[in-house]
């Protein structure tokens, strides 16, 4: 029922997308950015489980990847709230 509510205009009971094409483009781009951030965060494991690998604490995994992921989530929020009709006159 929730998925149907996203794609249906309840007042006129007709099939209509509630978001514009540009909103979906921004949403897909932001999901790719989030996925890329998680890829940046992965890795850094040690070959021997008894040996410590300091590579897990490098700049890429501690600073860059979380920043990219947060930027992706902010872009998701923007893509949902963006109203193209407001800018067209």
C-alpha atoms as a PDB file:
ATOM      1  CA  UNK A   1       0.000   0.000   0.000  1.00  0.00           C
ATOM      2  CA  UNK A   2       2.876   2.374   0.800  1.00  0.00           C
ATOM      3  CA  UNK A   3       4.528   1.767  -2.568  1.00  0.00           C
ATOM      4  CA  UNK A   4       1.231   2.352  -4.323  1.00  0.00           C
ATOM      5  CA  UNK A   5       0.879   5.667  -2.467  1.00  0.00           C
ATOM      6  CA  UNK A   6       4.230   6.838  -3.838  1.00  0.00           C
ATOM      7  CA  UNK A   7       3.163   6.352  -7.451  1.00  0.00           C
ATOM      8  CA  UNK A   8      -0.497   7.309  -7.190  1.00  0.00           C
ATOM      9  CA  UNK A   9      -2.153  10.661  -6.835  1.00  0.00           C
ATOM     10  CA  UNK A  10      -4.752   9.910  -4.158  1.00  0.00           C
ATOM     11  CA  UNK A  11      -6.993  12.882  -4.943  1.00  0.00           C
ATOM     12  CA  UNK A  12      -7.607  12.023  -8.587  1.00  0.00           C
ATOM     13  CA  UNK A  13      -7.013   8.270  -8.186  1.00  0.00           C
ATOM     14  CA  UNK A  14      -4.856   8.093 -11.297  1.00  0.00           C
ATOM     15  CA  UNK A  15      -1.356   6.777 -11.871  1.00  0.00           C
ATOM     16  CA  UNK A  16       1.048   9.670 -11.615  1.00  0.00           C
ATOM     17  CA  UNK A  17       4.585   9.923 -10.302  1.00  0.00           C
ATOM     18  CA  UNK A  18       4.882  12.275  -7.370  1.00  0.00           C
ATOM     19  CA  UNK A  19       8.481  13.158  -8.215  1.00  0.00           C
ATOM     20  CA  UNK A  20       9.777  14.584 -11.485  1.00  0.00           C
ATOM     21  CA  UNK A  21      12.335  13.047 -13.798  1.00  0.00           C
ATOM     22  CA  UNK A  22      15.057  15.345 -12.429  1.00  0.00           C
ATOM     23  CA  UNK A  23      14.282  14.190  -8.877  1.00  0.00           C
ATOM     24  CA  UNK A  24      14.799  10.561  -9.876  1.00  0.00           C
ATOM     25  CA  UNK A  25      18.060  11.411 -11.666  1.00  0.00           C
ATOM     26  CA  UNK A  26      19.421  13.145  -8.570  1.00  0.00           C
ATOM     27  CA  UNK A  27      18.225  10.241  -6.417  1.00  0.00           C
ATOM     28  CA  UNK A  28      20.014   7.648  -8.559  1.00  0.00           C
ATOM     29  CA  UNK A  29      23.209   9.731  -8.602  1.00  0.00           C
ATOM     30  CA  UNK A  30      23.099  10.067  -4.825  1.00  0.00           C
ATOM     31  CA  UNK A  31      22.624   6.302  -4.381  1.00  0.00           C
ATOM     32  CA  UNK A  32      25.684   5.707  -6.574  1.00  0.00           C
ATOM     33  CA  UNK A  33      27.658   8.182  -4.422  1.00  0.00           C
ATOM     34  CA  UNK A  34      26.599   6.338  -1.254  1.00  0.00           C
ATOM     35  CA  UNK A  35      27.597   2.999  -2.795  1.00  0.00           C
ATOM     36  CA  UNK A  36      30.984   4.488  -3.797  1.00  0.00           C
ATOM     37  CA  UNK A  37      31.490   5.697  -0.209  1.00  0.00           C
ATOM     38  CA  UNK A  38      30.933   2.199   1.142  1.00  0.00           C
ATOM     39  CA  UNK A  39      33.411   0.831  -1.400  1.00  0.00           C
ATOM     40  CA  UNK A  40      35.967   3.385  -0.182  1.00  0.00           C
ATOM     41  CA  UNK A  41      35.374   2.228   3.383  1.00  0.00           C
ATOM     42  CA  UNK A  42      35.964  -1.455   2.635  1.00  0.00           C
ATOM     43  CA  UNK A  43      39.285  -3.282   2.724  1.00  0.00           C
ATOM     44  CA  UNK A  44      42.320  -2.975   4.969  1.00  0.00           C
ATOM     45  CA  UNK A  45      42.190  -6.476   6.347  1.00  0.00           C
ATOM     46  CA  UNK A  46      45.268  -8.368   7.426  1.00  0.00           C
ATOM     47  CA  UNK A  47      46.439 -11.617   5.847  1.00  0.00           C
ATOM     48  CA  UNK A  48      47.143 -13.086   9.276  1.00  0.00           C
ATOM     49  CA  UNK A  49      44.335 -12.699  11.865  1.00  0.00           C
ATOM     50  CA  UNK A  50      46.916 -12.585  14.683  1.00  0.00           C
ATOM     51  CA  UNK A  51      48.686  -9.595  13.132  1.00  0.00           C
ATOM     52  CA  UNK A  52      47.416  -6.002  13.383  1.00  0.00           C
ATOM     53  CA  UNK A  53      47.212  -3.994  10.158  1.00  0.00           C
ATOM     54  CA  UNK A  54      47.278  -0.197  10.732  1.00  0.00           C
ATOM     55  CA  UNK A  55      45.922   0.311   7.185  1.00  0.00           C
ATOM     56  CA  UNK A  56      42.362   0.248   8.567  1.00  0.00           C
ATOM     57  CA  UNK A  57      42.979   3.650  10.167  1.00  0.00           C
ATOM     58  CA  UNK A  58      44.100   5.552   7.063  1.00  0.00           C
ATOM     59  CA  UNK A  59      42.576   8.802   5.780  1.00  0.00           C
ATOM     60  CA  UNK A  60      40.434   7.063   3.141  1.00  0.00           C
ATOM     61  CA  UNK A  61      38.528   4.857   5.593  1.00  0.00           C
ATOM     62  CA  UNK A  62      38.301   7.233   8.560  1.00  0.00           C
ATOM     63  CA  UNK A  63      37.661  10.640   6.943  1.00  0.00           C
ATOM     64  CA  UNK A  64      36.952  10.440   3.221  1.00  0.00           C
ATOM     65  CA  UNK A  65      34.481   7.538   3.038  1.00  0.00           C
ATOM     66  CA  UNK A  66      32.134   8.762   5.819  1.00  0.00           C
ATOM     67  CA  UNK A  67      32.172  12.259   4.308  1.00  0.00           C
ATOM     68  CA  UNK A  68      31.206  10.867   0.891  1.00  0.00           C
ATOM     69  CA  UNK A  69      28.413   8.787   2.446  1.00  0.00           C
ATOM     70  CA  UNK A  70      27.002  11.740   4.399  1.00  0.00           C
ATOM     71  CA  UNK A  71      27.125  13.870   1.233  1.00  0.00           C
ATOM     72  CA  UNK A  72      25.187  11.121  -0.567  1.00  0.00           C
ATOM     73  CA  UNK A  73      22.479  11.070   2.098  1.00  0.00           C
ATOM     74  CA  UNK A  74      22.191  14.874   2.010  1.00  0.00           C
ATOM     75  CA  UNK A  75      21.779  14.607  -1.759  1.00  0.00           C
ATOM     76  CA  UNK A  76      19.008  12.013  -1.259  1.00  0.00           C
ATOM     77  CA  UNK A  77      17.133  14.442   0.975  1.00  0.00           C
ATOM     78  CA  UNK A  78      17.632  17.217  -1.573  1.00  0.00           C
ATOM     79  CA  UNK A  79      16.359  15.002  -4.397  1.00  0.00           C
ATOM     80  CA  UNK A  80      13.164  14.285  -2.490  1.00  0.00           C
ATOM     81  CA  UNK A  81      12.521  17.896  -1.473  1.00  0.00           C
ATOM     82  CA  UNK A  82      13.550  19.504  -4.803  1.00  0.00           C
ATOM     83  CA  UNK A  83      10.583  21.075  -6.560  1.00  0.00           C
ATOM     84  CA  UNK A  84      11.235  21.899 -10.210  1.00  0.00           C
ATOM     85  CA  UNK A  85       7.914  23.691 -10.664  1.00  0.00           C
ATOM     86  CA  UNK A  86       8.960  26.300  -8.135  1.00  0.00           C
ATOM     87  CA  UNK A  87      11.898  27.397 -10.311  1.00  0.00           C
ATOM     88  CA  UNK A  88      10.066  27.480 -13.647  1.00  0.00           C
ATOM     89  CA  UNK A  89       8.134  30.635 -14.392  1.00  0.00           C
END
